[in-house]
Amino acid sequence: MHLLKKFLKEWVIPFGLEVLILLFLLRYVFFLVMVPTGSMKPTIEEGSCLFATHLYLPEKTVKRGDILVFWSDELEEKLIKRVVGLPGEHIVLDEEGNLFVNGEYFAEEYVRFPSNQSGEWQVPEGKYLFMGDNRDASFDARYWEQPYISGDEISGKAWFALWPPGCFGPLH
């Protein structure tokens, strides 16, 4: 009986607590996400596994340029794209791939493959506009019937690439 109590106290209870803590963290703090396409190249390679944190107050924490994980009702799938438009902003993407926010040019150093697909959007309050870094091969807000994503549909912010090994590191 003494060995059983010792085993429970030293192994079962600590292991059980570790599992509970890990489950809590996975449910409420962070999660892993797989990237199925090359729409975010060269920032994120196709097939990458990313570390992301849950996002609960997008209106206070989302910044232009963030790489976010969100649900698209139109496409009925989870996507990973970069925020280019915040609530209330007027966004213009010209034929050369230049982004203008409320009439001011915004440099996007992360876009390596621009597209001549232009557009103009007035982002509604509570909504966000997303595009891929690989504009030439990204099916994003420029093509969607419903180009705006509600803050309620944003599940997290991608911070770090875990896989493949050659891409291991922080996302910018």
Protein backbone atom coordinates (compact mmCIF):
# COMPACT_ATOMS: atom_id res chain seq x y z
CA MET A 1 0.00 0.00 0.00
CA HIS A 2 2.88 2.34 0.79
CA LEU A 3 4.34 1.83 -2.71
CA LEU A 4 0.97 2.57 -4.31
CA LYS A 5 0.60 5.84 -2.38
CA LYS A 6 4.16 6.81 -3.27
CA PHE A 7 3.54 5.99 -6.94
CA LEU A 8 0.33 8.05 -6.98
CA LYS A 9 1.93 10.98 -5.18
CA GLU A 10 5.15 11.05 -7.20
CA TRP A 11 3.96 9.99 -10.64
CA VAL A 12 0.23 9.89 -11.31
CA ILE A 13 -0.80 13.20 -9.70
CA PRO A 14 2.07 15.27 -11.23
CA PHE A 15 1.54 13.68 -14.65
CA GLY A 16 -2.22 14.29 -14.42
CA LEU A 17 -1.64 17.95 -13.52
CA GLU A 18 0.77 18.34 -16.44
CA VAL A 19 -1.82 16.92 -18.83
CA LEU A 20 -4.52 19.25 -17.47
CA ILE A 21 -2.24 22.28 -17.79
CA LEU A 22 -1.26 21.29 -21.34
CA LEU A 23 -4.92 20.83 -22.33
CA PHE A 24 -5.77 24.25 -20.85
CA LEU A 25 -2.90 25.90 -22.76
CA LEU A 26 -3.88 24.20 -26.02
CA ARG A 27 -7.51 25.24 -25.62
CA TYR A 28 -7.13 28.83 -24.43
CA VAL A 29 -3.59 30.09 -25.07
CA PHE A 30 -1.96 28.60 -28.17
CA PHE A 31 -2.50 26.17 -31.03
CA LEU A 32 -0.74 24.73 -34.06
CA VAL A 33 -1.90 25.35 -37.62
CA MET A 34 -0.88 23.84 -40.95
CA VAL A 35 -0.51 26.01 -44.07
CA PRO A 36 -1.96 24.17 -47.09
CA THR A 37 -0.93 26.57 -49.90
CA GLY A 38 1.88 28.86 -51.02
CA SER A 39 -0.23 32.04 -50.76
CA MET A 40 2.06 33.45 -48.06
CA LYS A 41 5.41 32.73 -49.78
CA PRO A 42 8.17 33.60 -49.13
CA THR A 43 7.17 34.40 -45.52
CA ILE A 44 5.51 31.00 -45.00
CA GLU A 45 6.17 27.99 -47.17
CA GLU A 46 3.45 25.61 -48.30
CA GLY A 47 3.12 22.72 -45.83
CA SER A 48 4.49 24.71 -42.89
CA CYS A 49 3.36 24.10 -39.32
CA LEU A 50 2.94 27.32 -37.36
CA PHE A 51 2.71 28.16 -33.67
CA ALA A 52 -0.14 30.60 -33.02
CA THR A 53 -1.71 32.23 -29.99
CA HIS A 54 -5.44 32.67 -29.51
CA LEU A 55 -6.67 36.22 -30.02
CA TYR A 56 -9.56 37.44 -27.91
CA LEU A 57 -9.75 41.21 -28.46
CA PRO A 58 -8.94 41.86 -32.13
CA GLU A 59 -10.12 45.48 -31.93
CA LYS A 60 -7.35 46.16 -29.39
CA THR A 61 -4.58 43.84 -30.55
CA VAL A 62 -4.68 43.49 -34.36
CA LYS A 63 -2.22 45.63 -36.30
CA ARG A 64 -1.72 46.01 -40.02
CA GLY A 65 0.83 43.45 -41.15
CA ASP A 66 -0.10 40.80 -38.57
CA ILE A 67 -0.33 37.24 -39.87
CA LEU A 68 -3.64 35.91 -38.56
CA VAL A 69 -5.59 32.67 -38.57
CA PHE A 70 -9.29 33.16 -39.29
CA TRP A 71 -12.41 31.40 -40.51
CA SER A 72 -13.90 32.31 -43.90
CA ASP A 73 -17.64 31.69 -44.07
CA GLU A 74 -17.53 32.14 -47.84
CA LEU A 75 -14.83 29.51 -48.39
CA GLU A 76 -15.87 27.42 -45.37
CA GLU A 77 -12.29 26.94 -44.23
CA LYS A 78 -9.62 28.28 -41.91
CA LEU A 79 -7.15 30.61 -43.63
CA ILE A 80 -3.81 32.24 -42.82
CA LYS A 81 -3.27 35.67 -44.37
CA ARG A 82 -1.84 39.07 -43.55
CA VAL A 83 -4.01 41.99 -42.35
CA VAL A 84 -3.90 44.86 -44.86
CA GLY A 85 -7.02 46.77 -43.81
CA LEU A 86 -8.35 47.65 -40.36
CA PRO A 87 -11.92 48.68 -39.43
CA GLY A 88 -12.99 52.00 -40.97
CA GLU A 89 -10.05 52.29 -43.38
CA HIS A 90 -10.12 53.01 -47.10
CA ILE A 91 -7.73 50.62 -48.88
CA VAL A 92 -6.49 50.91 -52.46
CA LEU A 93 -4.23 48.41 -54.20
CA ASP A 94 -3.01 49.79 -57.53
CA GLU A 95 -2.00 47.92 -60.72
CA GLU A 96 1.68 47.93 -59.67
CA GLY A 97 0.84 46.25 -56.35
CA ASN A 98 1.25 49.38 -54.21
CA LEU A 99 -0.96 49.57 -51.12
CA PHE A 100 -2.53 52.84 -50.00
CA VAL A 101 -4.26 53.24 -46.64
CA ASN A 102 -6.53 56.27 -46.36
CA GLY A 103 -4.62 57.84 -49.27
CA GLU A 104 -1.14 57.21 -47.80
CA TYR A 105 1.32 54.76 -49.35
CA PHE A 106 2.08 51.79 -47.09
CA ALA A 107 5.28 49.85 -47.84
CA GLU A 108 4.88 46.08 -47.69
CA GLU A 109 8.42 44.68 -47.57
CA TYR A 110 7.06 41.15 -47.19
CA VAL A 111 5.35 41.10 -50.62
CA ARG A 112 7.82 39.52 -53.06
CA PHE A 113 5.45 38.44 -55.82
CA PRO A 114 3.05 41.32 -56.55
CA SER A 115 0.08 41.02 -58.86
CA ASN A 116 -1.57 43.48 -61.22
CA GLN A 117 -4.94 42.64 -59.61
CA SER A 118 -5.99 46.01 -58.21
CA GLY A 119 -8.93 46.96 -56.05
CA GLU A 120 -10.49 49.44 -53.68
CA TRP A 121 -12.21 48.68 -50.38
CA GLN A 122 -13.90 50.56 -47.57
CA VAL A 123 -13.45 48.30 -44.55
CA PRO A 124 -16.60 48.29 -42.36
CA GLU A 125 -16.36 48.69 -38.58
CA GLY A 126 -15.62 45.42 -36.85
CA LYS A 127 -14.20 43.89 -40.04
CA TYR A 128 -10.71 43.30 -41.47
CA LEU A 129 -9.24 42.96 -44.96
CA PHE A 130 -6.72 40.15 -45.64
CA MET A 131 -4.31 39.34 -48.46
CA GLY A 132 -1.54 36.82 -48.98
CA ASP A 133 2.10 37.87 -49.28
CA ASN A 134 2.37 35.96 -52.57
CA ARG A 135 -0.14 38.22 -54.30
CA ASP A 136 0.44 36.57 -57.66
CA ALA A 137 -0.79 33.21 -56.31
CA SER A 138 -3.07 34.11 -53.41
CA PHE A 139 -6.83 33.67 -53.47
CA ASP A 140 -7.67 36.43 -51.00
CA ALA A 141 -9.98 39.43 -50.42
CA ARG A 142 -9.32 40.70 -53.96
CA TYR A 143 -11.32 37.74 -55.29
CA TRP A 144 -13.82 36.97 -52.54
CA GLU A 145 -17.48 37.93 -52.85
CA GLN A 146 -17.35 38.86 -49.15
CA PRO A 147 -13.91 40.48 -48.80
CA TYR A 148 -14.25 41.48 -45.14
CA ILE A 149 -13.68 39.17 -42.19
CA SER A 150 -15.36 39.87 -38.86
CA GLY A 151 -13.20 40.17 -35.76
CA ASP A 152 -15.28 37.32 -34.31
CA GLU A 153 -13.89 34.99 -37.00
CA ILE A 154 -10.24 35.65 -36.09
CA SER A 155 -8.92 32.80 -33.97
CA GLY A 156 -5.27 33.70 -33.52
CA LYS A 157 -1.99 35.27 -34.50
CA ALA A 158 0.78 33.19 -36.09
CA TRP A 159 4.15 33.85 -34.48
CA PHE A 160 6.58 31.09 -35.33
CA ALA A 161 7.22 28.46 -38.02
CA LEU A 162 7.99 25.04 -36.54
CA TRP A 163 8.16 23.00 -39.74
CA PRO A 164 9.84 22.43 -42.17
CA PRO A 165 13.22 22.68 -40.43
CA GLY A 166 14.57 25.13 -43.03
CA CYS A 167 11.80 27.61 -42.16
CA PHE A 168 12.09 27.24 -38.37
CA GLY A 169 11.93 30.66 -36.75
CA PRO A 170 9.83 33.75 -36.02
CA LEU A 171 7.42 35.14 -38.62
CA HIS A 172 7.72 38.74 -39.75
